Each structure stands twice: as structure tokens, then as C-alpha cells.
N, C-alpha and C. Protein backbone atom coordinates (compact mmCIF):
# COMPACT_ATOMS: atom_id res chain seq x y z
N MET A 1 -110.77 61.12 51.44
CA MET A 1 -109.57 61.80 51.85
C MET A 1 -109.51 61.79 53.37
N ALA A 2 -108.32 61.72 53.91
CA ALA A 2 -108.16 61.67 55.35
C ALA A 2 -106.75 62.09 55.75
N GLN A 3 -106.61 62.49 56.99
CA GLN A 3 -105.30 62.86 57.53
C GLN A 3 -105.38 62.95 59.05
N ASN A 4 -104.23 63.01 59.70
CA ASN A 4 -104.16 63.30 61.13
C ASN A 4 -103.91 64.79 61.28
N GLU A 5 -104.62 65.43 62.22
CA GLU A 5 -104.50 66.87 62.41
C GLU A 5 -104.29 67.22 63.87
N MET A 6 -103.63 68.37 64.09
CA MET A 6 -103.47 68.92 65.42
C MET A 6 -104.28 70.21 65.49
N PRO A 7 -105.15 70.37 66.47
CA PRO A 7 -105.88 71.63 66.62
C PRO A 7 -104.93 72.79 66.92
N VAL A 8 -105.33 73.99 66.54
CA VAL A 8 -104.57 75.20 66.83
C VAL A 8 -105.37 76.00 67.84
N LYS A 9 -104.77 76.28 69.00
CA LYS A 9 -105.47 76.98 70.07
C LYS A 9 -106.04 78.32 69.57
N ASP A 10 -107.30 78.55 69.88
CA ASP A 10 -108.03 79.78 69.56
C ASP A 10 -108.17 80.06 68.07
N ALA A 11 -108.00 79.06 67.20
CA ALA A 11 -108.21 79.22 65.77
C ALA A 11 -109.56 78.59 65.44
N PHE A 12 -110.60 79.43 65.39
CA PHE A 12 -111.96 78.94 65.19
C PHE A 12 -112.41 79.15 63.75
N VAL A 13 -113.27 78.29 63.28
CA VAL A 13 -113.85 78.41 61.95
C VAL A 13 -114.88 79.54 61.98
N GLU A 14 -114.86 80.42 61.00
CA GLU A 14 -115.76 81.57 60.98
C GLU A 14 -117.23 81.15 61.05
N ALA A 15 -117.57 80.03 60.43
CA ALA A 15 -118.96 79.56 60.47
C ALA A 15 -119.41 79.31 61.91
N PHE A 16 -118.50 78.86 62.76
CA PHE A 16 -118.85 78.59 64.15
C PHE A 16 -118.93 79.87 64.95
N THR A 17 -118.06 80.83 64.67
CA THR A 17 -118.06 82.09 65.42
C THR A 17 -118.80 83.17 64.64
N GLY A 18 -119.78 82.79 63.84
CA GLY A 18 -120.56 83.72 63.03
C GLY A 18 -121.51 84.57 63.84
N ALA A 19 -122.47 85.16 63.16
CA ALA A 19 -123.39 86.12 63.78
C ALA A 19 -124.12 85.54 64.98
N MET A 20 -124.40 84.27 64.97
CA MET A 20 -125.15 83.67 66.06
C MET A 20 -124.40 83.74 67.39
N THR A 21 -123.09 83.78 67.36
CA THR A 21 -122.30 83.79 68.59
C THR A 21 -121.65 85.14 68.87
N LYS A 22 -122.05 86.19 68.14
CA LYS A 22 -121.48 87.51 68.37
C LYS A 22 -122.57 88.48 68.82
N ASP A 23 -122.18 89.42 69.68
CA ASP A 23 -123.14 90.43 70.10
C ASP A 23 -123.21 91.55 69.06
N HIS A 24 -123.99 92.59 69.31
CA HIS A 24 -124.18 93.66 68.32
C HIS A 24 -122.91 94.48 68.07
N ASN A 25 -121.90 94.36 68.94
CA ASN A 25 -120.62 95.05 68.74
C ASN A 25 -119.60 94.17 68.01
N GLY A 26 -119.98 92.94 67.66
CA GLY A 26 -119.08 92.04 66.95
C GLY A 26 -118.20 91.21 67.85
N LYS A 27 -118.36 91.34 69.17
CA LYS A 27 -117.56 90.54 70.10
C LYS A 27 -118.19 89.16 70.25
N VAL A 28 -117.34 88.14 70.36
CA VAL A 28 -117.84 86.78 70.56
C VAL A 28 -118.45 86.70 71.94
N LYS A 29 -119.70 86.23 72.01
CA LYS A 29 -120.37 86.14 73.30
C LYS A 29 -120.35 84.70 73.81
N GLU A 30 -120.48 84.58 75.11
CA GLU A 30 -120.49 83.26 75.74
C GLU A 30 -121.80 82.56 75.44
N PHE A 31 -121.72 81.26 75.21
CA PHE A 31 -122.93 80.47 75.03
C PHE A 31 -122.77 79.14 75.73
N THR A 32 -123.86 78.46 75.96
CA THR A 32 -123.81 77.20 76.71
C THR A 32 -124.32 76.05 75.85
N LYS A 33 -123.86 74.86 76.17
CA LYS A 33 -124.30 73.62 75.53
C LYS A 33 -124.55 72.60 76.61
N ARG A 34 -125.50 71.72 76.38
CA ARG A 34 -125.80 70.66 77.33
C ARG A 34 -124.76 69.54 77.22
N VAL A 35 -124.23 69.11 78.34
CA VAL A 35 -123.26 68.03 78.37
C VAL A 35 -124.00 66.71 78.59
N SER A 36 -123.69 65.72 77.77
CA SER A 36 -124.27 64.38 77.90
C SER A 36 -123.20 63.42 78.41
N TYR A 37 -123.58 62.22 78.75
CA TYR A 37 -122.61 61.25 79.25
C TYR A 37 -123.06 59.84 78.93
N TYR A 38 -122.11 58.92 79.03
CA TYR A 38 -122.41 57.49 78.90
C TYR A 38 -121.42 56.73 79.75
N MET A 39 -121.75 55.50 80.09
CA MET A 39 -120.86 54.68 80.90
C MET A 39 -120.09 53.72 80.00
N GLN A 40 -118.76 53.71 80.16
CA GLN A 40 -117.91 52.81 79.39
C GLN A 40 -118.02 51.40 79.97
N ASP A 41 -117.50 50.42 79.22
CA ASP A 41 -117.53 49.03 79.67
C ASP A 41 -116.82 48.83 81.01
N ASN A 42 -115.81 49.68 81.29
CA ASN A 42 -115.07 49.55 82.54
C ASN A 42 -115.75 50.28 83.71
N GLY A 43 -116.92 50.84 83.49
CA GLY A 43 -117.69 51.50 84.54
C GLY A 43 -117.42 52.99 84.69
N GLU A 44 -116.47 53.54 83.93
CA GLU A 44 -116.17 54.97 84.00
C GLU A 44 -117.18 55.76 83.17
N LEU A 45 -117.51 56.97 83.64
CA LEU A 45 -118.38 57.86 82.88
C LEU A 45 -117.55 58.67 81.90
N ARG A 46 -118.05 58.83 80.67
CA ARG A 46 -117.43 59.69 79.66
C ARG A 46 -118.41 60.80 79.36
N TYR A 47 -117.94 62.03 79.35
CA TYR A 47 -118.78 63.19 79.08
C TYR A 47 -118.48 63.72 77.68
N TYR A 48 -119.51 64.23 76.99
CA TYR A 48 -119.34 64.77 75.65
C TYR A 48 -120.44 65.79 75.38
N ILE A 49 -120.24 66.59 74.34
CA ILE A 49 -121.23 67.57 73.90
C ILE A 49 -121.70 67.14 72.52
N PRO A 50 -122.99 66.81 72.38
CA PRO A 50 -123.50 66.44 71.05
C PRO A 50 -123.44 67.64 70.09
N THR A 51 -123.06 67.40 68.84
CA THR A 51 -123.03 68.44 67.82
C THR A 51 -123.83 67.96 66.61
N GLU A 52 -124.00 68.83 65.64
CA GLU A 52 -124.80 68.51 64.46
C GLU A 52 -124.28 67.29 63.70
N HIS A 53 -122.96 67.12 63.62
CA HIS A 53 -122.37 66.03 62.83
C HIS A 53 -121.50 65.11 63.67
N GLY A 54 -121.80 64.96 64.94
CA GLY A 54 -120.99 64.08 65.78
C GLY A 54 -121.03 64.53 67.23
N TRP A 55 -119.85 64.68 67.84
CA TRP A 55 -119.78 65.10 69.23
C TRP A 55 -118.43 65.76 69.50
N ALA A 56 -118.36 66.44 70.63
CA ALA A 56 -117.11 67.05 71.10
C ALA A 56 -116.84 66.50 72.49
N ASP A 57 -115.61 66.03 72.72
CA ASP A 57 -115.26 65.56 74.05
C ASP A 57 -113.87 66.06 74.41
N LYS A 58 -113.39 65.74 75.58
CA LYS A 58 -112.11 66.24 76.06
C LYS A 58 -110.98 65.74 75.17
N TRP A 59 -110.12 66.66 74.74
CA TRP A 59 -109.01 66.33 73.86
C TRP A 59 -107.82 65.87 74.69
N ASP A 60 -107.15 64.82 74.25
CA ASP A 60 -106.02 64.26 75.00
C ASP A 60 -104.67 64.83 74.58
N GLY A 61 -104.64 65.79 73.65
CA GLY A 61 -103.39 66.44 73.24
C GLY A 61 -102.67 65.79 72.08
N SER A 62 -103.19 64.68 71.56
CA SER A 62 -102.54 63.99 70.44
C SER A 62 -103.23 64.34 69.12
N PRO A 63 -102.53 64.17 67.97
CA PRO A 63 -103.17 64.41 66.67
C PRO A 63 -104.40 63.52 66.52
N LYS A 64 -105.39 64.03 65.82
CA LYS A 64 -106.65 63.30 65.63
C LYS A 64 -106.89 63.02 64.15
N TYR A 65 -107.44 61.84 63.89
CA TYR A 65 -107.80 61.40 62.55
C TYR A 65 -109.00 62.22 62.08
N HIS A 66 -108.95 62.69 60.85
CA HIS A 66 -110.01 63.50 60.27
C HIS A 66 -110.24 63.02 58.85
N SER A 67 -111.49 62.81 58.46
CA SER A 67 -111.78 62.37 57.10
C SER A 67 -112.94 63.17 56.53
N TRP A 68 -113.04 63.23 55.19
CA TRP A 68 -114.10 63.96 54.53
C TRP A 68 -114.23 63.44 53.11
N TYR A 69 -115.38 63.73 52.54
CA TYR A 69 -115.62 63.33 51.15
C TYR A 69 -115.07 64.38 50.21
N ALA A 70 -114.47 63.95 49.12
CA ALA A 70 -113.91 64.88 48.13
C ALA A 70 -114.99 65.40 47.22
């Protein structure tokens, strides 16, 4: 299954904003991630954040392809 999707600003998945990212009052706390980079064929650096199932990089504002197993 697959589709193109548009992110919704500040609409986070509960699993991501779960207990690990909340303080004892239930407020979402700030956390940090290490930024990695690689050089493209044209010599430009691209920055990204490695995640468990892929990576996160700067969004260009267009719908993104998303796929998953049924």
C-alpha cells in the first residue's frame, strides 16, 4: 500500500511524544539528536537525522510518498 501525504504542523504520533519525551508534569520536554551529513555528487553537503527506520531531513513543502506493508 502506498500514497502521497502532506504533514500536518504540530500533529505528532503519540508513540513519538510518549513518556520518554515528557517530564513528570506531562509536558513535552526538549531533546536532542545527532545530525549526520553526506556529500552529494554535485559537491553539496546534505544533513539528516538518522532514525530507527530511516532518516529525517529538511522538508521541501511538497507531498511525500509513503508506503507500508498491509
